[in-house]
């Protein structure tokens, strides 16, 4: 393992790695009636999606640089209104060859969340700007 100074040395330094962000898009309808999932269950969906995206793309230089940021990692959690909007976003990302993972809860086979691998914000923000921050 790398020494802590190497892992966290870039935290204050501006540069390409500092501009990396991982976007997570979670279905907002999961926390509202009639679904009303417990908050912890919804947070777990976001965690699963973020980890799945980081793991699937762990060899990508941006993912490696992002993970080396340690406590300076930047994650933005956005809200999709429902499953249809989440799936439409996934299709758009696929068309533009943007690496992402859709988390599908089993055995229900329900898409709950989507996460991109870490990207420079300016490379992917245009596809996500219609989604608001999760509240």
N, C-alpha and C. Protein backbone atom coordinates (compact mmCIF):
# COMPACT_ATOMS: atom_id res chain seq x y z
N UNK A 1 0.84 -1.19 0.00
CA UNK A 1 0.00 0.00 0.00
C UNK A 1 0.88 1.24 0.00
N UNK A 2 0.36 2.27 -0.62
CA UNK A 2 1.10 3.53 -0.68
C UNK A 2 1.10 4.21 0.68
N UNK A 3 2.16 4.91 1.00
CA UNK A 3 2.18 5.63 2.28
C UNK A 3 1.11 6.72 2.28
N UNK A 4 0.60 7.06 3.47
CA UNK A 4 -0.46 8.08 3.55
C UNK A 4 -0.09 9.39 2.86
N UNK A 5 1.18 9.78 2.91
CA UNK A 5 1.56 11.04 2.28
C UNK A 5 1.31 11.00 0.78
N UNK A 6 1.48 9.83 0.16
CA UNK A 6 1.23 9.71 -1.27
C UNK A 6 -0.26 9.67 -1.55
N UNK A 7 -1.00 8.97 -0.70
CA UNK A 7 -2.44 8.85 -0.91
C UNK A 7 -3.16 10.18 -0.76
N UNK A 8 -2.73 10.97 0.19
CA UNK A 8 -3.44 12.21 0.49
C UNK A 8 -2.67 13.46 0.10
N UNK A 9 -1.55 13.27 -0.55
CA UNK A 9 -0.70 14.40 -0.89
C UNK A 9 -1.34 15.37 -1.87
N UNK A 10 -2.27 14.91 -2.71
CA UNK A 10 -2.87 15.77 -3.72
C UNK A 10 -4.11 16.52 -3.23
N UNK A 11 -4.46 16.36 -1.97
CA UNK A 11 -5.73 16.90 -1.49
C UNK A 11 -5.84 18.41 -1.69
N UNK A 12 -4.80 19.15 -1.45
CA UNK A 12 -4.89 20.61 -1.56
C UNK A 12 -4.38 21.12 -2.90
N UNK A 13 -3.72 20.25 -3.66
CA UNK A 13 -3.11 20.69 -4.91
C UNK A 13 -4.14 20.73 -6.03
N UNK A 14 -4.22 21.86 -6.72
CA UNK A 14 -5.11 21.90 -7.88
C UNK A 14 -4.51 21.06 -9.00
N UNK A 15 -5.36 20.56 -9.86
CA UNK A 15 -4.87 19.76 -10.98
C UNK A 15 -5.98 18.89 -11.51
N UNK A 16 -5.63 18.02 -12.45
CA UNK A 16 -6.64 17.20 -13.11
C UNK A 16 -7.40 16.32 -12.12
N UNK A 17 -6.70 15.70 -11.18
CA UNK A 17 -7.36 14.80 -10.24
C UNK A 17 -8.34 15.56 -9.35
N UNK A 18 -8.00 16.80 -9.01
CA UNK A 18 -8.87 17.59 -8.14
C UNK A 18 -10.20 17.91 -8.83
N UNK A 19 -10.22 17.91 -10.16
CA UNK A 19 -11.43 18.24 -10.91
C UNK A 19 -12.33 17.02 -11.13
N UNK A 20 -11.90 15.85 -10.70
CA UNK A 20 -12.68 14.65 -10.91
C UNK A 20 -13.88 14.60 -9.98
N UNK A 21 -14.99 14.10 -10.50
CA UNK A 21 -16.21 13.97 -9.70
C UNK A 21 -16.90 12.66 -10.07
N UNK A 22 -17.50 12.03 -9.08
CA UNK A 22 -18.33 10.86 -9.36
C UNK A 22 -19.78 11.27 -9.18
N UNK A 23 -20.54 11.14 -10.25
CA UNK A 23 -21.97 11.45 -10.19
C UNK A 23 -22.75 10.18 -9.88
N UNK A 24 -23.69 10.33 -8.95
CA UNK A 24 -24.61 9.26 -8.55
C UNK A 24 -26.01 9.81 -8.75
N UNK A 25 -26.85 9.08 -9.47
CA UNK A 25 -28.22 9.53 -9.74
C UNK A 25 -29.17 8.51 -9.12
N UNK A 26 -29.90 8.96 -8.13
CA UNK A 26 -30.78 8.10 -7.33
C UNK A 26 -32.23 8.45 -7.62
N UNK A 27 -33.08 7.46 -7.63
CA UNK A 27 -34.51 7.70 -7.85
C UNK A 27 -35.14 8.37 -6.64
N UNK A 28 -35.68 9.56 -6.84
CA UNK A 28 -36.33 10.29 -5.76
C UNK A 28 -37.66 9.70 -5.34
N UNK A 29 -38.33 9.01 -6.26
CA UNK A 29 -39.64 8.44 -5.92
C UNK A 29 -39.55 7.31 -4.91
N UNK A 30 -38.36 6.79 -4.67
CA UNK A 30 -38.22 5.68 -3.72
C UNK A 30 -38.49 6.13 -2.28
N UNK A 31 -38.27 7.41 -1.99
CA UNK A 31 -38.43 7.89 -0.61
C UNK A 31 -39.80 8.54 -0.37
N UNK A 32 -40.62 8.62 -1.40
CA UNK A 32 -41.94 9.25 -1.26
C UNK A 32 -43.04 8.20 -1.41
N UNK A 33 -44.22 8.48 -0.83
CA UNK A 33 -45.35 7.56 -1.03
C UNK A 33 -45.66 7.44 -2.53
N UNK A 34 -46.08 6.31 -3.01
CA UNK A 34 -46.48 5.14 -2.23
C UNK A 34 -45.33 4.22 -1.86
N UNK A 35 -44.13 4.42 -2.41
CA UNK A 35 -43.02 3.50 -2.12
C UNK A 35 -42.49 3.69 -0.71
N UNK A 36 -42.02 4.88 -0.39
CA UNK A 36 -41.52 5.23 0.95
C UNK A 36 -40.53 4.23 1.51
N UNK A 37 -39.46 3.98 0.77
CA UNK A 37 -38.40 3.10 1.27
C UNK A 37 -37.74 3.77 2.48
N UNK A 38 -37.23 2.99 3.40
CA UNK A 38 -36.48 3.57 4.52
C UNK A 38 -35.24 4.31 3.97
N UNK A 39 -34.88 5.41 4.62
CA UNK A 39 -33.74 6.20 4.17
C UNK A 39 -32.47 5.36 4.04
N UNK A 40 -32.22 4.51 5.00
CA UNK A 40 -31.01 3.67 4.96
C UNK A 40 -30.98 2.77 3.74
N UNK A 41 -32.12 2.24 3.34
CA UNK A 41 -32.19 1.37 2.17
C UNK A 41 -31.87 2.15 0.90
N UNK A 42 -32.33 3.38 0.83
CA UNK A 42 -32.08 4.21 -0.35
C UNK A 42 -30.60 4.62 -0.40
N UNK A 43 -30.05 4.98 0.74
CA UNK A 43 -28.62 5.32 0.80
C UNK A 43 -27.79 4.11 0.37
N UNK A 44 -28.19 2.93 0.78
CA UNK A 44 -27.47 1.72 0.39
C UNK A 44 -27.46 1.53 -1.12
N UNK A 45 -28.56 1.88 -1.78
CA UNK A 45 -28.62 1.78 -3.25
C UNK A 45 -27.55 2.66 -3.88
N UNK A 46 -27.43 3.89 -3.38
CA UNK A 46 -26.43 4.81 -3.90
C UNK A 46 -25.01 4.29 -3.65
N UNK A 47 -24.79 3.74 -2.47
CA UNK A 47 -23.47 3.18 -2.15
C UNK A 47 -23.14 2.01 -3.08
N UNK A 48 -24.11 1.13 -3.28
CA UNK A 48 -23.90 -0.02 -4.17
C UNK A 48 -23.53 0.45 -5.58
N UNK A 49 -24.28 1.42 -6.10
CA UNK A 49 -24.04 1.90 -7.46
C UNK A 49 -22.66 2.56 -7.58
N UNK A 50 -22.31 3.40 -6.61
CA UNK A 50 -21.01 4.09 -6.64
C UNK A 50 -19.86 3.09 -6.58
N UNK A 51 -19.98 2.12 -5.70
CA UNK A 51 -18.92 1.11 -5.59
C UNK A 51 -18.85 0.24 -6.83
N UNK A 52 -20.00 -0.12 -7.39
CA UNK A 52 -20.03 -0.94 -8.60
C UNK A 52 -19.34 -0.22 -9.76
N UNK A 53 -19.60 1.09 -9.90
CA UNK A 53 -18.97 1.86 -10.98
C UNK A 53 -17.46 1.99 -10.76
N UNK A 54 -17.06 2.26 -9.54
CA UNK A 54 -15.63 2.38 -9.25
C UNK A 54 -14.92 1.04 -9.47
N UNK A 55 -15.57 -0.04 -9.06
CA UNK A 55 -14.96 -1.37 -9.22
C UNK A 55 -14.88 -1.77 -10.70
N UNK A 56 -15.96 -1.57 -11.43
CA UNK A 56 -15.99 -1.96 -12.85
C UNK A 56 -14.95 -1.21 -13.67
N UNK A 57 -14.64 0.00 -13.25
CA UNK A 57 -13.71 0.85 -14.00
C UNK A 57 -12.46 1.17 -13.18
N UNK A 58 -12.09 0.27 -12.30
CA UNK A 58 -10.98 0.49 -11.37
C UNK A 58 -9.64 0.68 -12.07
N UNK A 59 -9.48 0.18 -13.28
CA UNK A 59 -8.20 0.32 -13.98
C UNK A 59 -8.11 1.62 -14.78
N UNK A 60 -9.23 2.34 -14.90
CA UNK A 60 -9.20 3.60 -15.65
C UNK A 60 -8.36 4.62 -14.88
N UNK A 61 -7.52 5.37 -15.56
CA UNK A 61 -6.67 6.35 -14.86
C UNK A 61 -7.46 7.37 -14.04
N UNK A 62 -8.62 7.80 -14.52
CA UNK A 62 -9.42 8.76 -13.74
C UNK A 62 -9.94 8.13 -12.45
N UNK A 63 -10.36 6.88 -12.52
CA UNK A 63 -10.84 6.20 -11.31
C UNK A 63 -9.71 6.05 -10.31
N UNK A 64 -8.54 5.66 -10.79
CA UNK A 64 -7.39 5.49 -9.89
C UNK A 64 -7.01 6.82 -9.24
N UNK A 65 -6.98 7.88 -10.04
CA UNK A 65 -6.63 9.20 -9.51
C UNK A 65 -7.67 9.66 -8.49
N UNK A 66 -8.92 9.43 -8.77
CA UNK A 66 -10.02 9.81 -7.88
C UNK A 66 -9.88 9.09 -6.53
N UNK A 67 -9.66 7.79 -6.58
CA UNK A 67 -9.54 7.03 -5.33
C UNK A 67 -8.31 7.44 -4.53
N UNK A 68 -7.27 7.88 -5.19
CA UNK A 68 -6.07 8.34 -4.49
C UNK A 68 -6.27 9.68 -3.80
N UNK A 69 -7.37 10.38 -4.12
CA UNK A 69 -7.65 11.66 -3.47
C UNK A 69 -8.04 11.48 -2.00
N UNK A 70 -8.40 10.25 -1.61
CA UNK A 70 -8.77 10.02 -0.21
C UNK A 70 -9.93 10.90 0.21
N UNK A 71 -9.74 11.65 1.26
CA UNK A 71 -10.80 12.49 1.81
C UNK A 71 -11.20 13.67 0.94
N UNK A 72 -10.51 13.89 -0.16
CA UNK A 72 -10.84 14.99 -1.06
C UNK A 72 -11.70 14.55 -2.24
N UNK A 73 -12.14 13.28 -2.23
CA UNK A 73 -13.00 12.81 -3.32
C UNK A 73 -14.27 13.65 -3.35
N UNK A 74 -14.75 13.92 -4.57
CA UNK A 74 -15.98 14.70 -4.73
C UNK A 74 -17.04 13.83 -5.39
N UNK A 75 -18.17 13.71 -4.71
CA UNK A 75 -19.30 12.95 -5.22
C UNK A 75 -20.51 13.87 -5.25
N UNK A 76 -21.25 13.84 -6.35
CA UNK A 76 -22.46 14.64 -6.48
C UNK A 76 -23.63 13.67 -6.63
N UNK A 77 -24.63 13.81 -5.74
CA UNK A 77 -25.80 12.93 -5.77
C UNK A 77 -26.98 13.71 -6.33
N UNK A 78 -27.47 13.23 -7.45
CA UNK A 78 -28.58 13.86 -8.14
C UNK A 78 -29.83 12.98 -8.03
N UNK A 79 -30.96 13.57 -8.39
CA UNK A 79 -32.24 12.86 -8.28
C UNK A 79 -32.89 12.68 -9.64
N UNK A 80 -33.23 11.43 -9.94
CA UNK A 80 -34.07 11.13 -11.10
C UNK A 80 -35.49 10.96 -10.55
N UNK A 81 -36.50 11.47 -11.25
CA UNK A 81 -37.85 11.40 -10.69
C UNK A 81 -38.40 9.98 -10.56
N UNK A 82 -37.98 9.08 -11.44
CA UNK A 82 -38.54 7.72 -11.41
C UNK A 82 -37.65 6.77 -12.21
N UNK A 83 -38.06 5.50 -12.29
CA UNK A 83 -37.26 4.50 -12.97
C UNK A 83 -37.13 4.78 -14.46
N UNK A 84 -38.20 5.27 -15.09
CA UNK A 84 -38.15 5.57 -16.52
C UNK A 84 -37.08 6.63 -16.82
N UNK A 85 -37.00 7.67 -16.00
CA UNK A 85 -36.00 8.72 -16.19
C UNK A 85 -34.59 8.17 -15.98
N UNK A 86 -34.44 7.28 -15.00
CA UNK A 86 -33.14 6.68 -14.73
C UNK A 86 -32.69 5.82 -15.91
N UNK A 87 -33.61 5.03 -16.44
CA UNK A 87 -33.28 4.17 -17.59
C UNK A 87 -33.00 5.00 -18.84
N UNK A 88 -33.73 6.10 -19.02
CA UNK A 88 -33.48 6.98 -20.17
C UNK A 88 -32.09 7.60 -20.07
N UNK A 89 -31.70 8.00 -18.86
CA UNK A 89 -30.36 8.54 -18.66
C UNK A 89 -29.31 7.48 -18.98
N UNK A 90 -29.53 6.27 -18.53
CA UNK A 90 -28.59 5.18 -18.80
C UNK A 90 -28.43 4.97 -20.31
N UNK A 91 -29.51 5.06 -21.04
CA UNK A 91 -29.46 4.90 -22.50
C UNK A 91 -28.67 6.04 -23.14
N UNK A 92 -28.89 7.27 -22.68
CA UNK A 92 -28.15 8.41 -23.19
C UNK A 92 -26.65 8.24 -22.92
N UNK A 93 -26.31 7.86 -21.70
CA UNK A 93 -24.90 7.67 -21.35
C UNK A 93 -24.27 6.59 -22.22
N UNK A 94 -25.02 5.53 -22.48
CA UNK A 94 -24.53 4.45 -23.32
C UNK A 94 -24.26 4.96 -24.74
N UNK A 95 -25.17 5.76 -25.28
CA UNK A 95 -25.02 6.31 -26.64
C UNK A 95 -23.76 7.17 -26.76
N UNK A 96 -23.40 7.85 -25.66
CA UNK A 96 -22.22 8.71 -25.68
C UNK A 96 -20.97 8.02 -25.12
N UNK A 97 -21.05 6.71 -24.92
CA UNK A 97 -19.92 5.91 -24.40
C UNK A 97 -19.38 6.45 -23.08
N UNK A 98 -20.30 6.83 -22.20
CA UNK A 98 -19.92 7.30 -20.87
C UNK A 98 -20.05 6.11 -19.91
N UNK A 99 -18.94 5.77 -19.27
CA UNK A 99 -18.91 4.62 -18.37
C UNK A 99 -19.80 4.84 -17.16
N UNK A 100 -20.67 3.89 -16.90
CA UNK A 100 -21.59 3.98 -15.77
C UNK A 100 -22.09 2.58 -15.40
N UNK A 101 -22.70 2.49 -14.25
CA UNK A 101 -23.33 1.25 -13.81
C UNK A 101 -24.71 1.58 -13.28
N UNK A 102 -25.69 0.77 -13.64
CA UNK A 102 -27.03 0.89 -13.10
C UNK A 102 -27.17 -0.17 -12.02
N UNK A 103 -27.57 0.27 -10.82
CA UNK A 103 -27.79 -0.70 -9.75
C UNK A 103 -29.24 -1.15 -9.82
N UNK A 104 -29.43 -2.47 -9.93
CA UNK A 104 -30.76 -3.06 -10.03
C UNK A 104 -30.99 -3.94 -8.82
N UNK A 105 -31.97 -3.58 -8.03
CA UNK A 105 -32.29 -4.32 -6.80
C UNK A 105 -32.93 -5.65 -7.18
N UNK A 106 -32.40 -6.71 -6.57
CA UNK A 106 -32.93 -8.06 -6.80
C UNK A 106 -33.55 -8.59 -5.52
N UNK A 107 -34.55 -9.44 -5.54
CA UNK A 107 -35.07 -10.12 -6.72
C UNK A 107 -36.14 -9.31 -7.47
N UNK A 108 -36.39 -8.09 -7.05
CA UNK A 108 -37.47 -7.30 -7.66
C UNK A 108 -37.15 -6.84 -9.08
N UNK A 109 -35.84 -6.84 -9.45
CA UNK A 109 -35.40 -6.39 -10.77
C UNK A 109 -35.81 -4.94 -11.04
N UNK A 110 -35.59 -4.08 -10.04
CA UNK A 110 -35.95 -2.67 -10.10
C UNK A 110 -34.67 -1.84 -10.14
N UNK A 111 -34.53 -1.02 -11.18
CA UNK A 111 -33.39 -0.11 -11.26
C UNK A 111 -33.60 1.01 -10.25
N UNK A 112 -32.65 1.18 -9.33
CA UNK A 112 -32.81 2.16 -8.26
C UNK A 112 -31.83 3.33 -8.35
N UNK A 113 -30.68 3.11 -8.97
CA UNK A 113 -29.63 4.11 -8.93
C UNK A 113 -28.67 3.88 -10.09
N UNK A 114 -27.99 4.94 -10.46
CA UNK A 114 -27.00 4.88 -11.52
C UNK A 114 -25.80 5.68 -11.03
N UNK A 115 -24.62 5.17 -11.31
CA UNK A 115 -23.40 5.91 -10.96
C UNK A 115 -22.44 5.88 -12.13
N UNK A 116 -21.82 7.02 -12.39
CA UNK A 116 -20.77 7.09 -13.39
C UNK A 116 -19.45 6.78 -12.71
N UNK A 117 -18.48 6.31 -13.47
CA UNK A 117 -17.13 6.24 -12.91
C UNK A 117 -16.70 7.70 -12.74
N UNK A 118 -15.68 7.96 -11.96
CA UNK A 118 -15.21 9.34 -11.84
C UNK A 118 -14.79 9.91 -13.20
N UNK A 119 -15.22 11.13 -13.44
CA UNK A 119 -14.92 11.85 -14.68
C UNK A 119 -14.57 13.29 -14.35
N UNK A 120 -13.80 13.95 -15.25
CA UNK A 120 -13.72 15.41 -15.15
C UNK A 120 -15.14 15.95 -15.39
N UNK A 121 -15.57 16.87 -14.56
CA UNK A 121 -16.94 17.38 -14.62
C UNK A 121 -17.33 17.84 -16.02
N UNK A 122 -16.42 18.55 -16.69
CA UNK A 122 -16.77 19.12 -18.00
C UNK A 122 -17.01 18.07 -19.08
N UNK A 123 -16.60 16.83 -18.86
CA UNK A 123 -16.83 15.77 -19.85
C UNK A 123 -18.23 15.17 -19.77
N UNK A 124 -18.90 15.30 -18.62
CA UNK A 124 -20.18 14.60 -18.45
C UNK A 124 -21.33 15.48 -17.97
N UNK A 125 -21.02 16.65 -17.46
CA UNK A 125 -22.06 17.48 -16.84
C UNK A 125 -23.23 17.78 -17.78
N UNK A 126 -22.95 17.95 -19.05
CA UNK A 126 -24.01 18.28 -20.01
C UNK A 126 -25.12 17.23 -20.05
N UNK A 127 -24.79 15.98 -19.75
CA UNK A 127 -25.79 14.91 -19.78
C UNK A 127 -26.58 14.81 -18.48
N UNK A 128 -26.13 15.52 -17.46
CA UNK A 128 -26.72 15.40 -16.13
C UNK A 128 -27.39 16.70 -15.66
N UNK A 129 -27.25 17.79 -16.41
CA UNK A 129 -27.68 19.09 -15.91
C UNK A 129 -29.19 19.21 -15.69
N UNK A 130 -30.00 18.33 -16.30
CA UNK A 130 -31.44 18.42 -16.08
C UNK A 130 -31.86 17.80 -14.73
N UNK A 131 -30.94 17.08 -14.10
CA UNK A 131 -31.24 16.46 -12.80
C UNK A 131 -30.81 17.39 -11.69
N UNK A 132 -31.65 17.54 -10.68
CA UNK A 132 -31.38 18.41 -9.53
C UNK A 132 -30.64 17.61 -8.45
N UNK A 133 -30.01 18.34 -7.54
CA UNK A 133 -29.40 17.68 -6.38
C UNK A 133 -30.47 16.96 -5.59
N UNK A 134 -30.13 15.80 -5.08
CA UNK A 134 -31.08 15.03 -4.27
C UNK A 134 -31.33 15.77 -2.97
N UNK A 135 -32.60 15.90 -2.60
CA UNK A 135 -32.96 16.56 -1.34
C UNK A 135 -33.78 15.65 -0.49
